[in-house]
Structure formats: structure tokens, C-alpha cells
């Protein structure tokens, strides 16, 4: 996917209905030729996602979810469920996701009317389908984070409105489904033709996850099964039934961006320009790995996550996700040995994070301080395999043989032996390990029927020292929350600008 420079048509500030800057190129003059329209959606995979990916998604997905922990006063509120609307990080989530929506809306509303007469309709529909898929992706995050939110289809129609209602959660999901169904029917990109863009089957995979979240297990199973049967995606590294290890660690190397397993990922160049590279390595890495003065270890793998692995030696996901003291990592900077216990102790966890840590620009294909070139996954094929298995188990659809096959493909690739008759807890544990530090676990935790009870069992404490023996003391921390904490509050700045957010939600569809 070649990312060309495109006009930034909508600001990424907290005011989610900002007007386009007056000095921006006129989109009606830009989206005319086939070439222009084919690159129109490039922006949707990168710049507007920057704040969410770099500053917010790990706070929600892993700190709130309990797979990560921190003492960082800026973000510990996510670990302790003490978030208010004043929290700047939360405001960045709202602003970034609505910036994706705004950019998508510009394409959806402009391209069909400005394209030259000689542009094939299939090219127009493909661009609109991509934009609607990315708009759906942003709304899927918004509805799971905030619940009822405003549905916006045309920013310019609403920019002067002072009262913009929020809409029923079920209508937000219907809106997401409509966008994805359009994308499924109209996107002509394929994994082989343009691996950095979402394909029709990619939109179908995302819809499977949306349906699983709504507990429509029959639809989730059907869609996941169709994606699996399409053969468009496959696990990177293979999945020998004998438990032969594949290459899980290779998923997170910059050189493997847009690999066979990647269904949807945000795309970064690491050019050094603001918001063109992701900042995840800056937050995850130990000092000295990146080649710059970042590498802040602002989050560490929680004690709870560390205890979830059934076999840390056999499961290659452990060292691919977690950096152990004095362990050797051949893919980092020509070979890197992690420091001893006192130097490899992120946030009191006695370990650090390896996943998404790719090293210096010379090692990882580019990058600059807080701006790195490696993609960040939104959805990959392992997720679809586990979605199919979970839908079978909870929905009593399909066959247990299918569930076993899907779960075991994931386990075997990691180097673990097959299991029989997997339960929901088996699948949940696989998801927790497979996607640890991929900003995902919170969304799995809140889908549980016993979400509050589960979250109360998560060990959010820390080791008292770096002695890794059995006598090492732990300061326990468990947090009990109420149901209202399963959604985050609207940013105060947004409620001040749009008091309608504090009123009851209204229907969007008649």
C-alpha cells in the first residue's frame, strides 16, 4: 500500500465536528481521477488514528483489561477505574476516533459526486466501501468505550448545530452493520492485490467480531466460517498439528507488515513527521532499545497475565510478548540481551514488554523518536479462528470438531499441544495470551457474562523487589467495580460543547 500525501480535511481536535481548515485543498477538486480516488482512503489507515493508537488504546485495552499495569500517574486511573471526563487521555480517544469518522465521511459524501465521468463505478464504490469499513471500525471502538454516541454521517451538515444527540446503542450497532455490509458488497481490494487495505473478506471478518460482541453467535459463526473458507488469510508461520512451533514473534517485526495474517492494521511510515509513525514502542520499550531517549516502560505485563501462561518455556508467545531479564532477543538491534532483574522491571512486574518493540531505525526499517514504522493490528486471522470457536461453544452452532481445529491452529502455531473439547474459558485464555499487549483484552473482558466478577479477580499488584524466587513478596491490588464502570465517561470538553450528550439517547433509525 503506497501512502501518498493527502490533504488533512478535518482537524483531529477534541471538537469532533470541526470545520475543514480554510487553507486545506478543496476535496471537490481533488477526488476526480481514478488515481486520486484510489488513494483517497490512504489517510484512513494512519494519521487520524495516531492519538488513539499511541496514547489511548493500550490504556483501555491492557491497563483497564488487567493484562498490563503501571504506576504512571497519568494512566494509572485506567488501572484503578478512576477515570473522569477531565482525563486528557480519554479526550484523545474521542477526538481521534471521531477524526476517523470525519475523514471517512468526507470520502463517502464527496467521491461519488466529484469523480470524473470516465471513472468506473467500481472504483468509486470500492473507495466508499473502504471508507465505510473504516468508519465502522471507529464506531465499533466508540460504542464499546462510551456506549451511546452520536452517529454522524455528514460533518458539514451538523457543524453549526449546538445540540447533537447521542443515539441508542442498538442503532449504533445497526449503523456499523450497514457500513460493513456495504463494504462487503463493494470493496474489490484483495489481500493479494493490496495487502495494506481492508478487503471484502476483511470487512466480513470485522462484522463477525461485531456480531460476536452482540452475542449473535449464529451470525458470528457463519461469517467467521466464510472468512476461514475463503483462504484469503492464514496464520503466519504455519500450524503443524504435531505442535511444531511457527513464527509468532515474526508477526511483530516491521519487515512483516501486512503479512498473510493481517486483516486490518493501522499503517505507519516512521518518517518522523507528526502522526505518520506510531508511538507504541516509546511507551513499551526499555530505555536504550530504540536508539532515542524514549523507551519509557510506561506499562508492564501484569502479574495476572504472567500467571496465565500454562508453559512459559513451550509457549513462544511468552517471550514474543514479554521480555525476561537476561534473555536473548536475536531480532532486536542485531541481537539484544535484556538486562538483569533490576534493569528489566517495568512498573514492578519484574519483566518488560517485547511485543511491538522493534528497536532502532536501522534495525526496523525506519522511524524516529515516538514515531515508528511498524503496523499496529486492529484485526488478524488468529482472532477469526477464535471467534469461530467461541461462537460454536456459546451459540451451540457448528461442530466441536471445527472449534477444536480453530483453537488448536492458534495453540500449535505457538508451540503448544492440541486440546479436545475446548470450553469458553479455554478460548478466553487463548485470546488473553494471543492478543496480550495488543490493546484488546478489555473488550474481551466486558463481553463476559460475569465481567464484574472476572475483573475483580485480576491481580493488579506488583512485586516488592526483583528477587525472582518463590519467596519474592507481592503487594496485592484487586479492584472491585460497578456496572457503570464498564463504559467510560464522555470527555467533559465534549459535554460542554454539546450538552445533548448528557440527555437520554434517541433513536437514529425510524
Protein backbone atom coordinates (compact mmCIF):
# COMPACT_ATOMS: atom_id res chain seq x y z
CA UNK A 1 0.00 0.00 0.00
CA UNK A 2 1.66 3.21 -1.13
CA UNK A 3 0.78 6.04 1.22
CA UNK A 4 0.82 9.28 -0.72
CA UNK A 5 0.42 12.69 0.84
CA UNK A 6 -3.23 13.65 1.05
CA UNK A 7 -4.95 16.78 2.36
CA UNK A 8 -5.94 16.64 6.03
CA UNK A 9 -9.53 17.65 5.54
CA UNK A 10 -10.74 17.56 9.13
CA UNK A 11 -8.94 18.54 12.30
CA UNK A 12 -8.12 15.89 14.93
CA UNK A 13 -9.02 18.13 17.86
CA UNK A 14 -11.49 17.26 20.58
CA UNK A 15 -14.24 19.16 18.78
CA UNK A 16 -15.41 16.29 16.64
CA UNK A 17 -17.31 18.44 14.17
CA UNK A 18 -14.52 20.90 13.39
CA UNK A 19 -14.71 22.66 10.04
CA UNK A 20 -12.00 21.90 7.49
CA UNK A 21 -9.20 24.49 7.73
CA UNK A 22 -9.66 27.29 5.22
CA UNK A 23 -6.25 26.62 3.65
CA UNK A 24 -6.96 22.91 3.03
CA UNK A 25 -7.20 21.80 -0.61
CA UNK A 26 -10.78 21.60 -1.83
CA UNK A 27 -11.84 17.95 -1.77
CA UNK A 28 -14.25 18.62 -4.63
CA UNK A 29 -11.25 19.50 -6.79
CA UNK A 30 -9.14 16.57 -5.62
CA UNK A 31 -11.34 13.45 -5.89
CA UNK A 32 -11.72 13.41 -9.67
CA UNK A 33 -9.49 10.89 -11.41
CA UNK A 34 -9.23 7.15 -10.93
CA UNK A 35 -5.75 7.56 -9.45
CA UNK A 36 -6.88 10.23 -6.99
CA UNK A 37 -9.85 8.18 -5.86
CA UNK A 38 -7.79 5.02 -5.48
CA UNK A 39 -5.51 6.78 -2.96
CA UNK A 40 -8.29 8.78 -1.30
CA UNK A 41 -8.66 6.31 1.56
CA UNK A 42 -4.95 6.18 2.46
CA UNK A 43 -5.41 8.70 5.25
CA UNK A 44 -7.96 6.45 6.96
CA UNK A 45 -5.29 3.93 7.93
CA UNK A 46 -2.91 6.30 9.68
CA UNK A 47 -2.94 9.96 10.74
CA UNK A 48 -6.35 10.31 12.41
CA UNK A 49 -5.67 7.12 14.40
CA UNK A 50 -2.43 8.46 15.87
CA UNK A 51 -3.62 9.66 19.28
CA UNK A 52 -5.85 6.64 19.81
CA UNK A 53 -3.21 4.08 18.87
CA UNK A 54 -0.25 5.75 20.55
CA UNK A 55 -1.79 7.27 23.66
CA UNK A 56 -5.12 5.63 24.45
CA UNK A 57 -5.71 2.13 23.13
CA UNK A 58 -3.19 0.42 25.42
CA UNK A 59 -4.58 2.28 28.44
CA UNK A 60 -8.05 0.89 27.79
CA UNK A 61 -7.17 -2.46 26.26
CA UNK A 62 -4.41 -3.57 28.61
CA UNK A 63 -4.41 -1.33 31.70
CA UNK A 64 -8.16 -1.43 32.27
CA UNK A 65 -8.26 -5.01 30.99
CA UNK A 66 -5.65 -6.04 33.54
CA UNK A 67 -3.03 -7.55 31.23
CA UNK A 68 -0.82 -4.54 31.94
CA UNK A 69 -0.09 -2.44 34.99
CA UNK A 70 1.52 0.95 35.73
CA UNK A 71 2.47 3.43 38.41
CA UNK A 72 2.42 6.22 35.84
CA UNK A 73 0.15 8.84 37.44
CA UNK A 74 -1.19 9.91 34.05
CA UNK A 75 -2.53 6.50 33.19
CA UNK A 76 -2.93 4.64 36.48
CA UNK A 77 -6.52 5.85 36.59
CA UNK A 78 -7.31 3.30 33.86
CA UNK A 79 -5.82 0.54 36.02
CA UNK A 80 -7.85 1.70 39.04
CA UNK A 81 -11.07 2.66 37.21
CA UNK A 82 -10.80 6.22 38.47
CA UNK A 83 -11.35 7.89 35.10
CA UNK A 84 -13.38 11.10 34.90
CA UNK A 85 -14.36 13.20 31.92
CA UNK A 86 -11.48 15.54 32.73
CA UNK A 87 -8.87 12.92 31.83
CA UNK A 88 -6.94 14.17 28.80
CA UNK A 89 -6.17 10.65 27.56
CA UNK A 90 -9.88 9.88 27.35
CA UNK A 91 -10.43 13.07 25.38
CA UNK A 92 -7.84 11.89 22.89
CA UNK A 93 -9.81 8.68 22.34
CA UNK A 94 -12.96 10.62 21.47
CA UNK A 95 -11.17 13.14 19.26
CA UNK A 96 -9.08 10.59 17.38
CA UNK A 97 -11.93 8.19 16.65
CA UNK A 98 -14.26 10.95 15.52
CA UNK A 99 -11.45 12.25 13.30
CA UNK A 100 -11.51 8.85 11.55
CA UNK A 101 -15.27 9.22 11.16
CA UNK A 102 -14.89 12.72 9.77
CA UNK A 103 -12.28 11.73 7.21
CA UNK A 104 -14.41 8.76 6.16
CA UNK A 105 -17.47 10.97 5.81
CA UNK A 106 -15.58 13.33 3.52
CA UNK A 107 -14.80 10.46 1.16
CA UNK A 108 -18.25 8.88 1.38
CA UNK A 109 -20.05 12.15 0.66
CA UNK A 110 -17.64 13.66 -1.86
CA UNK A 111 -16.20 10.98 -4.13
CA UNK A 112 -19.49 9.85 -5.77
CA UNK A 113 -20.35 13.42 -6.80
CA UNK A 114 -16.94 14.75 -7.82
CA UNK A 115 -15.49 11.82 -9.79
CA UNK A 116 -14.96 12.41 -13.47
CA UNK A 117 -17.43 10.69 -15.78
CA UNK A 118 -14.76 8.27 -17.03
CA UNK A 119 -14.04 6.86 -13.54
CA UNK A 120 -15.51 3.33 -13.32
CA UNK A 121 -18.33 2.95 -10.81
CA UNK A 122 -16.47 0.03 -9.27
CA UNK A 123 -13.58 2.35 -8.36
CA UNK A 124 -15.98 4.78 -6.70
CA UNK A 125 -17.80 2.02 -4.83
CA UNK A 126 -14.53 0.48 -3.69
CA UNK A 127 -13.34 3.78 -2.17
CA UNK A 128 -16.67 4.39 -0.47
CA UNK A 129 -16.69 0.79 0.77
CA UNK A 130 -13.24 1.21 2.30
CA UNK A 131 -14.30 4.46 3.94
CA UNK A 132 -17.45 2.88 5.35
CA UNK A 133 -15.43 -0.05 6.69
CA UNK A 134 -13.05 2.31 8.46
CA UNK A 135 -15.93 4.44 9.76
CA UNK A 136 -17.47 1.24 11.12
CA UNK A 137 -14.17 0.36 12.79
CA UNK A 138 -14.05 3.73 14.54
CA UNK A 139 -17.68 3.40 15.69
CA UNK A 140 -17.02 -0.13 16.92
CA UNK A 141 -14.42 1.29 19.28
CA UNK A 142 -16.61 4.27 20.22
CA UNK A 143 -19.65 2.18 21.16
CA UNK A 144 -17.61 -0.26 23.23
CA UNK A 145 -15.77 2.53 25.05
CA UNK A 146 -18.56 5.08 25.55
CA UNK A 147 -21.80 3.24 24.79
CA UNK A 148 -24.36 5.61 23.31
CA UNK A 149 -22.67 8.10 20.96
CA UNK A 150 -23.75 10.50 18.20
CA UNK A 151 -24.00 8.98 14.74
CA UNK A 152 -22.57 11.47 12.26
CA UNK A 153 -22.86 10.86 8.53
CA UNK A 154 -22.06 14.37 7.28
CA UNK A 155 -19.98 16.66 9.46
CA UNK A 156 -20.68 19.76 7.40
CA UNK A 157 -24.43 19.44 7.92
CA UNK A 158 -24.01 19.47 11.69
CA UNK A 159 -21.02 21.73 12.26
CA UNK A 160 -23.18 24.73 13.26
CA UNK A 161 -25.53 22.69 15.44
CA UNK A 162 -25.28 23.26 19.20
CA UNK A 163 -27.40 20.22 20.09
CA UNK A 164 -26.29 16.91 18.61
CA UNK A 165 -27.99 13.96 20.35
CA UNK A 166 -26.38 10.68 21.17
CA UNK A 167 -28.04 7.63 19.70
CA UNK A 168 -29.22 4.30 21.04
CA UNK A 169 -26.52 1.67 21.34
CA UNK A 170 -28.53 -0.76 19.23
CA UNK A 171 -28.78 1.87 16.48
CA UNK A 172 -25.02 2.47 16.58
CA UNK A 173 -24.52 -1.26 16.04
CA UNK A 174 -27.05 -1.25 13.19
CA UNK A 175 -25.15 1.65 11.64
CA UNK A 176 -21.89 -0.32 11.94
CA UNK A 177 -23.51 -3.38 10.38
CA UNK A 178 -24.90 -1.33 7.48
CA UNK A 179 -21.48 0.14 6.77
CA UNK A 180 -19.78 -3.25 6.85
CA UNK A 181 -22.41 -4.92 4.67
CA UNK A 182 -21.90 -2.18 2.08
CA UNK A 183 -18.14 -2.72 2.33
CA UNK A 184 -18.52 -6.48 1.89
CA UNK A 185 -20.60 -5.96 -1.25
CA UNK A 186 -18.48 -3.24 -2.85
CA UNK A 187 -14.80 -3.50 -1.91
CA UNK A 188 -12.76 -5.01 -4.72
CA UNK A 189 -9.37 -4.88 -2.96
CA UNK A 190 -7.97 -8.27 -2.04
CA UNK A 191 -5.16 -9.36 0.24
CA UNK A 192 -3.05 -10.23 -2.78
CA UNK A 193 -3.78 -7.07 -4.78
CA UNK A 194 -3.27 -4.55 -1.97
CA UNK A 195 -2.31 -6.16 1.35
CA UNK A 196 -2.38 -2.92 3.34
CA UNK A 197 -6.04 -2.19 2.65
CA UNK A 198 -9.13 -3.85 4.03
CA UNK A 199 -10.72 -6.33 1.63
CA UNK A 200 -14.28 -7.56 1.30
CA UNK A 201 -13.41 -10.60 3.40
CA UNK A 202 -11.68 -8.28 5.85
CA UNK A 203 -14.92 -6.34 6.29
CA UNK A 204 -16.72 -9.67 6.74
CA UNK A 205 -14.19 -10.64 9.43
CA UNK A 206 -14.80 -7.38 11.25
CA UNK A 207 -18.55 -7.94 11.03
CA UNK A 208 -18.06 -11.38 12.59
CA UNK A 209 -16.44 -9.71 15.58
CA UNK A 210 -19.22 -7.14 15.78
CA UNK A 211 -21.81 -9.93 15.82
CA UNK A 212 -19.90 -11.89 18.46
CA UNK A 213 -19.86 -8.78 20.64
CA UNK A 214 -23.66 -8.56 20.30
CA UNK A 215 -23.98 -12.27 21.14
CA UNK A 216 -25.39 -13.12 17.73
CA UNK A 217 -23.41 -16.35 17.71
CA UNK A 218 -25.06 -17.85 14.65
CA UNK A 219 -24.09 -14.87 12.51
CA UNK A 220 -20.63 -14.64 14.04
CA UNK A 221 -20.05 -18.32 13.29
CA UNK A 222 -21.36 -18.06 9.73
CA UNK A 223 -19.26 -15.00 8.89
CA UNK A 224 -16.09 -16.33 10.53
CA UNK A 225 -16.53 -19.67 8.76
CA UNK A 226 -16.90 -17.93 5.40
CA UNK A 227 -13.72 -15.92 6.01
CA UNK A 228 -11.84 -19.07 7.01
CA UNK A 229 -13.16 -20.89 3.96
CA UNK A 230 -12.14 -18.07 1.61
CA UNK A 231 -8.47 -18.91 2.11
CA UNK A 232 -7.58 -15.22 1.80
CA UNK A 233 -5.76 -15.14 5.15
CA UNK A 234 -3.61 -17.63 7.02
CA UNK A 235 -1.59 -17.76 10.21
CA UNK A 236 1.94 -16.50 9.73
CA UNK A 237 4.34 -19.41 10.10
CA UNK A 238 2.03 -22.37 9.64
CA UNK A 239 0.23 -24.57 12.15
CA UNK A 240 1.51 -28.12 12.29
CA UNK A 241 -0.94 -30.45 14.03
CA UNK A 242 2.03 -32.03 15.79
CA UNK A 243 2.61 -28.82 17.71
CA UNK A 244 5.53 -27.62 15.59
CA UNK A 245 6.22 -24.01 16.51
CA UNK A 246 5.58 -21.40 13.87
CA UNK A 247 6.75 -17.80 13.92
CA UNK A 248 4.51 -15.88 16.28
CA UNK A 249 7.28 -13.40 17.09
CA UNK A 250 7.62 -12.56 13.39
CA UNK A 251 4.12 -11.07 13.42
CA UNK A 252 5.51 -8.00 15.15
CA UNK A 253 8.55 -7.27 13.01
CA UNK A 254 8.33 -4.22 10.74
CA UNK A 255 9.54 -6.27 7.79
CA UNK A 256 6.41 -8.41 8.11
CA UNK A 257 3.89 -5.57 7.98
CA UNK A 258 0.80 -6.60 6.02
CA UNK A 259 1.65 -10.29 6.30
CA UNK A 260 -0.70 -13.16 5.48
CA UNK A 261 -2.37 -12.96 8.89
CA UNK A 262 -3.04 -9.23 8.91
CA UNK A 263 -6.68 -8.47 8.14
CA UNK A 264 -6.73 -4.83 9.21
CA UNK A 265 -3.88 -2.77 10.64
CA UNK A 266 -3.08 0.89 11.03
CA UNK A 267 -0.25 1.77 8.65
CA UNK A 268 2.78 3.86 9.63
CA UNK A 269 5.81 5.21 7.80
CA UNK A 270 8.02 6.28 10.70
CA UNK A 271 9.01 9.34 8.66
CA UNK A 272 9.49 11.48 11.73
CA UNK A 273 6.64 13.79 10.74
CA UNK A 274 3.97 14.16 13.39
CA UNK A 275 1.36 11.38 13.37
CA UNK A 276 2.96 9.47 10.47
CA UNK A 277 4.58 6.91 12.78
CA UNK A 278 3.12 5.15 15.80
CA UNK A 279 4.38 5.87 19.31
CA UNK A 280 3.76 2.45 20.86
CA UNK A 281 7.41 1.40 21.10
CA UNK A 282 8.15 4.60 23.02
CA UNK A 283 5.72 3.54 25.75
CA UNK A 284 6.50 -0.19 25.78
CA UNK A 285 10.27 -0.47 25.37
CA UNK A 286 13.02 -0.46 27.95
CA UNK A 287 15.38 2.50 27.84
CA UNK A 288 18.21 2.11 25.36
CA UNK A 289 16.47 -0.13 22.84
CA UNK A 290 15.00 2.45 20.47
CA UNK A 291 18.13 4.49 19.74
CA UNK A 292 16.48 7.62 21.13
CA UNK A 293 15.73 8.98 24.59
CA UNK A 294 12.28 7.33 24.64
CA UNK A 295 11.67 3.77 25.80
CA UNK A 296 9.79 4.66 28.96
CA UNK A 297 8.33 1.30 30.02
CA UNK A 298 5.17 3.15 30.96
CA UNK A 299 3.34 -0.17 31.18
CA UNK A 300 4.50 -3.63 32.21
CA UNK A 301 2.97 -7.11 31.74
CA UNK A 302 0.75 -7.64 34.79
CA UNK A 303 1.31 -10.38 37.31
CA UNK A 304 -2.10 -11.69 36.28
CA UNK A 305 -1.00 -12.04 32.65
CA UNK A 306 2.26 -13.71 33.64
CA UNK A 307 0.32 -16.31 35.62
CA UNK A 308 -1.97 -17.07 32.67
CA UNK A 309 0.68 -18.85 30.57
CA UNK A 310 0.43 -22.61 31.02
CA UNK A 311 4.03 -23.24 29.92
CA UNK A 312 6.34 -20.25 29.54
CA UNK A 313 9.11 -22.35 28.04
CA UNK A 314 6.99 -24.08 25.42
CA UNK A 315 4.62 -21.24 24.51
CA UNK A 316 6.59 -18.98 22.17
CA UNK A 317 4.06 -16.22 22.75
CA UNK A 318 5.61 -15.66 26.17
CA UNK A 319 8.99 -14.34 25.03
CA UNK A 320 7.45 -12.70 21.96
CA UNK A 321 5.22 -10.68 24.29
CA UNK A 322 7.24 -10.43 27.49
CA UNK A 323 10.90 -9.51 27.85
CA UNK A 324 12.57 -11.65 30.52
CA UNK A 325 15.70 -10.48 32.34
CA UNK A 326 18.93 -11.78 30.79
CA UNK A 327 17.07 -13.38 27.86
CA UNK A 328 18.41 -13.02 24.32
CA UNK A 329 16.31 -11.48 21.52
CA UNK A 330 18.01 -12.08 18.16
CA UNK A 331 15.63 -9.84 16.17
CA UNK A 332 16.46 -6.71 18.20
CA UNK A 333 19.31 -4.47 17.04
CA UNK A 334 21.44 -7.32 15.71
CA UNK A 335 20.95 -9.29 18.90
CA UNK A 336 19.94 -7.92 22.29
CA UNK A 337 20.30 -9.42 25.74
CA UNK A 338 17.82 -7.99 28.23
CA UNK A 339 19.42 -6.53 31.37
CA UNK A 340 19.36 -8.31 34.70
CA UNK A 341 16.41 -8.18 37.10
CA UNK A 342 16.96 -4.63 38.32
CA UNK A 343 17.14 -3.29 34.75
CA UNK A 344 14.25 -5.30 33.32
CA UNK A 345 11.48 -4.40 35.73
CA UNK A 346 8.73 -2.39 34.09
CA UNK A 347 6.30 -0.99 36.65
CA UNK A 348 7.10 -3.54 39.34
CA UNK A 349 6.41 -6.58 37.16
CA UNK A 350 10.00 -7.96 37.16
CA UNK A 351 9.78 -8.19 33.36
CA UNK A 352 9.13 -5.79 30.47
CA UNK A 353 7.27 -5.78 27.16
CA UNK A 354 8.72 -7.23 23.95
CA UNK A 355 5.68 -7.12 21.64
CA UNK A 356 5.73 -4.12 19.27
CA UNK A 357 9.28 -3.33 20.44
CA UNK A 358 11.26 -3.28 17.19
CA UNK A 359 14.48 -1.44 18.05
CA UNK A 360 16.43 1.26 16.28
CA UNK A 361 15.56 2.72 12.85
CA UNK A 362 18.43 0.77 11.30
CA UNK A 363 17.01 -2.43 12.76
CA UNK A 364 13.35 -1.95 11.96
CA UNK A 365 13.18 -0.17 8.64
CA UNK A 366 12.88 3.41 9.76
CA UNK A 367 11.46 5.56 12.49
CA UNK A 368 12.22 8.44 14.78
CA UNK A 369 11.62 9.26 18.41
CA UNK A 370 7.97 8.43 19.25
CA UNK A 371 7.39 7.69 15.56
CA UNK A 372 7.88 4.13 14.35
CA UNK A 373 7.12 2.35 11.11
CA UNK A 374 5.68 -0.96 12.32
CA UNK A 375 1.97 -1.55 11.79
CA UNK A 376 -0.41 -1.92 14.73
CA UNK A 377 -3.03 -4.65 14.32
CA UNK A 378 -6.74 -3.97 14.50
CA UNK A 379 -7.72 -7.48 13.43
CA UNK A 380 -5.74 -10.56 12.44
CA UNK A 381 -6.63 -14.07 11.35
CA UNK A 382 -6.00 -15.70 14.75
CA UNK A 383 -8.88 -13.58 16.04
CA UNK A 384 -11.23 -15.02 13.41
CA UNK A 385 -10.28 -18.59 14.33
CA UNK A 386 -11.03 -17.90 17.99
CA UNK A 387 -14.23 -16.02 17.14
CA UNK A 388 -15.45 -19.09 15.27
CA UNK A 389 -14.60 -21.35 18.22
CA UNK A 390 -16.28 -19.08 20.77
CA UNK A 391 -19.41 -18.76 18.65
CA UNK A 392 -19.63 -22.55 18.36
CA UNK A 393 -19.24 -23.07 22.11
CA UNK A 394 -21.60 -20.32 23.28
CA UNK A 395 -24.09 -20.47 20.44
CA UNK A 396 -24.39 -24.23 20.00
CA UNK A 397 -23.77 -23.84 16.29
CA UNK A 398 -21.35 -25.61 14.00
CA UNK A 399 -19.41 -28.55 15.40
CA UNK A 400 -16.96 -29.12 18.21
CA UNK A 401 -14.56 -30.51 15.63
CA UNK A 402 -14.45 -27.08 14.00
CA UNK A 403 -13.90 -25.39 17.36
CA UNK A 404 -11.07 -27.79 18.19
CA UNK A 405 -9.43 -27.23 14.82
CA UNK A 406 -9.54 -23.44 15.15
CA UNK A 407 -8.29 -23.31 18.74
CA UNK A 408 -5.54 -25.80 18.01
CA UNK A 409 -4.30 -23.91 14.98
CA UNK A 410 -3.62 -20.99 17.30
CA UNK A 411 -2.10 -23.18 20.02
CA UNK A 412 0.02 -25.25 17.64
CA UNK A 413 1.46 -22.17 15.97
CA UNK A 414 2.56 -21.03 19.44
CA UNK A 415 4.22 -24.40 20.08
CA UNK A 416 1.55 -25.83 22.40
CA UNK A 417 -0.11 -29.25 22.03
CA UNK A 418 -3.70 -29.66 20.88
CA UNK A 419 -6.61 -29.82 23.30
CA UNK A 420 -10.01 -31.52 22.94
CA UNK A 421 -13.49 -30.19 23.66
CA UNK A 422 -12.41 -26.60 24.33
CA UNK A 423 -14.59 -24.60 26.71
CA UNK A 424 -15.33 -20.90 26.74
CA UNK A 425 -12.65 -20.47 29.40
CA UNK A 426 -10.15 -22.24 27.15
CA UNK A 427 -10.90 -19.84 24.31
CA UNK A 428 -10.86 -16.84 26.64
CA UNK A 429 -7.43 -17.84 27.97
CA UNK A 430 -6.10 -18.26 24.44
CA UNK A 431 -7.39 -14.83 23.49
CA UNK A 432 -5.85 -13.30 26.60
CA UNK A 433 -2.41 -14.70 25.75
CA UNK A 434 -2.61 -14.42 21.96
CA UNK A 435 -3.56 -10.73 22.00
CA UNK A 436 -1.77 -9.58 25.17
CA UNK A 437 -0.36 -6.07 24.75
CA UNK A 438 -2.34 -5.64 21.53
CA UNK A 439 -4.80 -3.30 23.26
CA UNK A 440 -7.55 -5.92 23.16
CA UNK A 441 -8.23 -7.63 26.49
CA UNK A 442 -10.63 -5.05 27.91
CA UNK A 443 -13.08 -5.66 25.07
CA UNK A 444 -12.97 -9.41 25.73
CA UNK A 445 -13.40 -8.95 29.48
CA UNK A 446 -16.51 -6.80 29.17
CA UNK A 447 -18.12 -9.35 26.84
CA UNK A 448 -18.14 -11.93 29.63
CA UNK A 449 -21.47 -12.57 31.33
CA UNK A 450 -19.56 -12.29 34.63
CA UNK A 451 -17.46 -9.30 33.61
CA UNK A 452 -17.58 -7.60 37.00
CA UNK A 453 -16.66 -10.77 38.88
CA UNK A 454 -13.85 -11.54 36.44
CA UNK A 455 -12.34 -8.07 36.63
CA UNK A 456 -12.42 -8.24 40.43
CA UNK A 457 -10.13 -11.31 40.32
CA UNK A 458 -7.42 -9.64 38.22
CA UNK A 459 -4.18 -9.20 40.15
CA UNK A 460 -3.16 -5.58 39.58
CA UNK A 461 -0.39 -5.63 42.16
CA UNK A 462 3.39 -5.68 41.90
CA UNK A 463 6.49 -7.46 43.12
CA UNK A 464 8.12 -5.85 46.14
CA UNK A 465 11.65 -6.44 44.81
CA UNK A 466 13.44 -8.04 41.90
CA UNK A 467 14.09 -11.39 43.59
CA UNK A 468 12.55 -13.83 41.14
CA UNK A 469 12.49 -16.72 43.59
CA UNK A 470 9.39 -18.21 45.19
CA UNK A 471 9.84 -16.08 48.31
CA UNK A 472 9.50 -12.82 46.43
CA UNK A 473 6.77 -10.77 48.08
CA UNK A 474 3.81 -9.29 46.23
CA UNK A 475 1.77 -6.26 47.09
CA UNK A 476 -1.73 -7.32 46.13
CA UNK A 477 -4.11 -5.00 44.40
CA UNK A 478 -7.60 -6.05 43.37
CA UNK A 479 -10.21 -3.58 42.19
CA UNK A 480 -13.95 -4.12 42.58
CA UNK A 481 -16.06 -2.09 40.18
CA UNK A 482 -19.73 -1.47 39.48
CA UNK A 483 -21.51 -1.93 36.16
CA UNK A 484 -21.30 1.76 35.26
CA UNK A 485 -17.51 1.42 35.08
CA UNK A 486 -17.80 -0.89 32.08
CA UNK A 487 -18.22 2.27 30.00
CA UNK A 488 -16.03 5.35 30.15
CA UNK A 489 -17.42 8.86 30.71
CA UNK A 490 -17.76 11.37 27.90
CA UNK A 491 -14.93 13.91 27.86
CA UNK A 492 -16.01 17.00 29.77
CA UNK A 493 -14.97 19.25 26.92
CA UNK A 494 -17.42 17.43 24.65
CA UNK A 495 -20.33 17.68 27.10
CA UNK A 496 -19.65 21.41 27.49
CA UNK A 497 -19.66 21.91 23.72
CA UNK A 498 -22.63 19.58 23.21
CA UNK A 499 -24.85 19.27 26.32
CA UNK A 500 -27.06 16.83 24.41
CA UNK A 501 -24.57 14.13 25.39
CA UNK A 502 -25.99 14.33 28.91
CA UNK A 503 -29.58 13.79 27.74
CA UNK A 504 -31.12 10.36 27.17
CA UNK A 505 -30.17 8.71 23.87
CA UNK A 506 -32.58 8.89 20.98
CA UNK A 507 -33.28 6.55 18.03
CA UNK A 508 -31.37 7.15 14.82
CA UNK A 509 -33.49 4.91 12.59
CA UNK A 510 -37.24 5.37 12.30
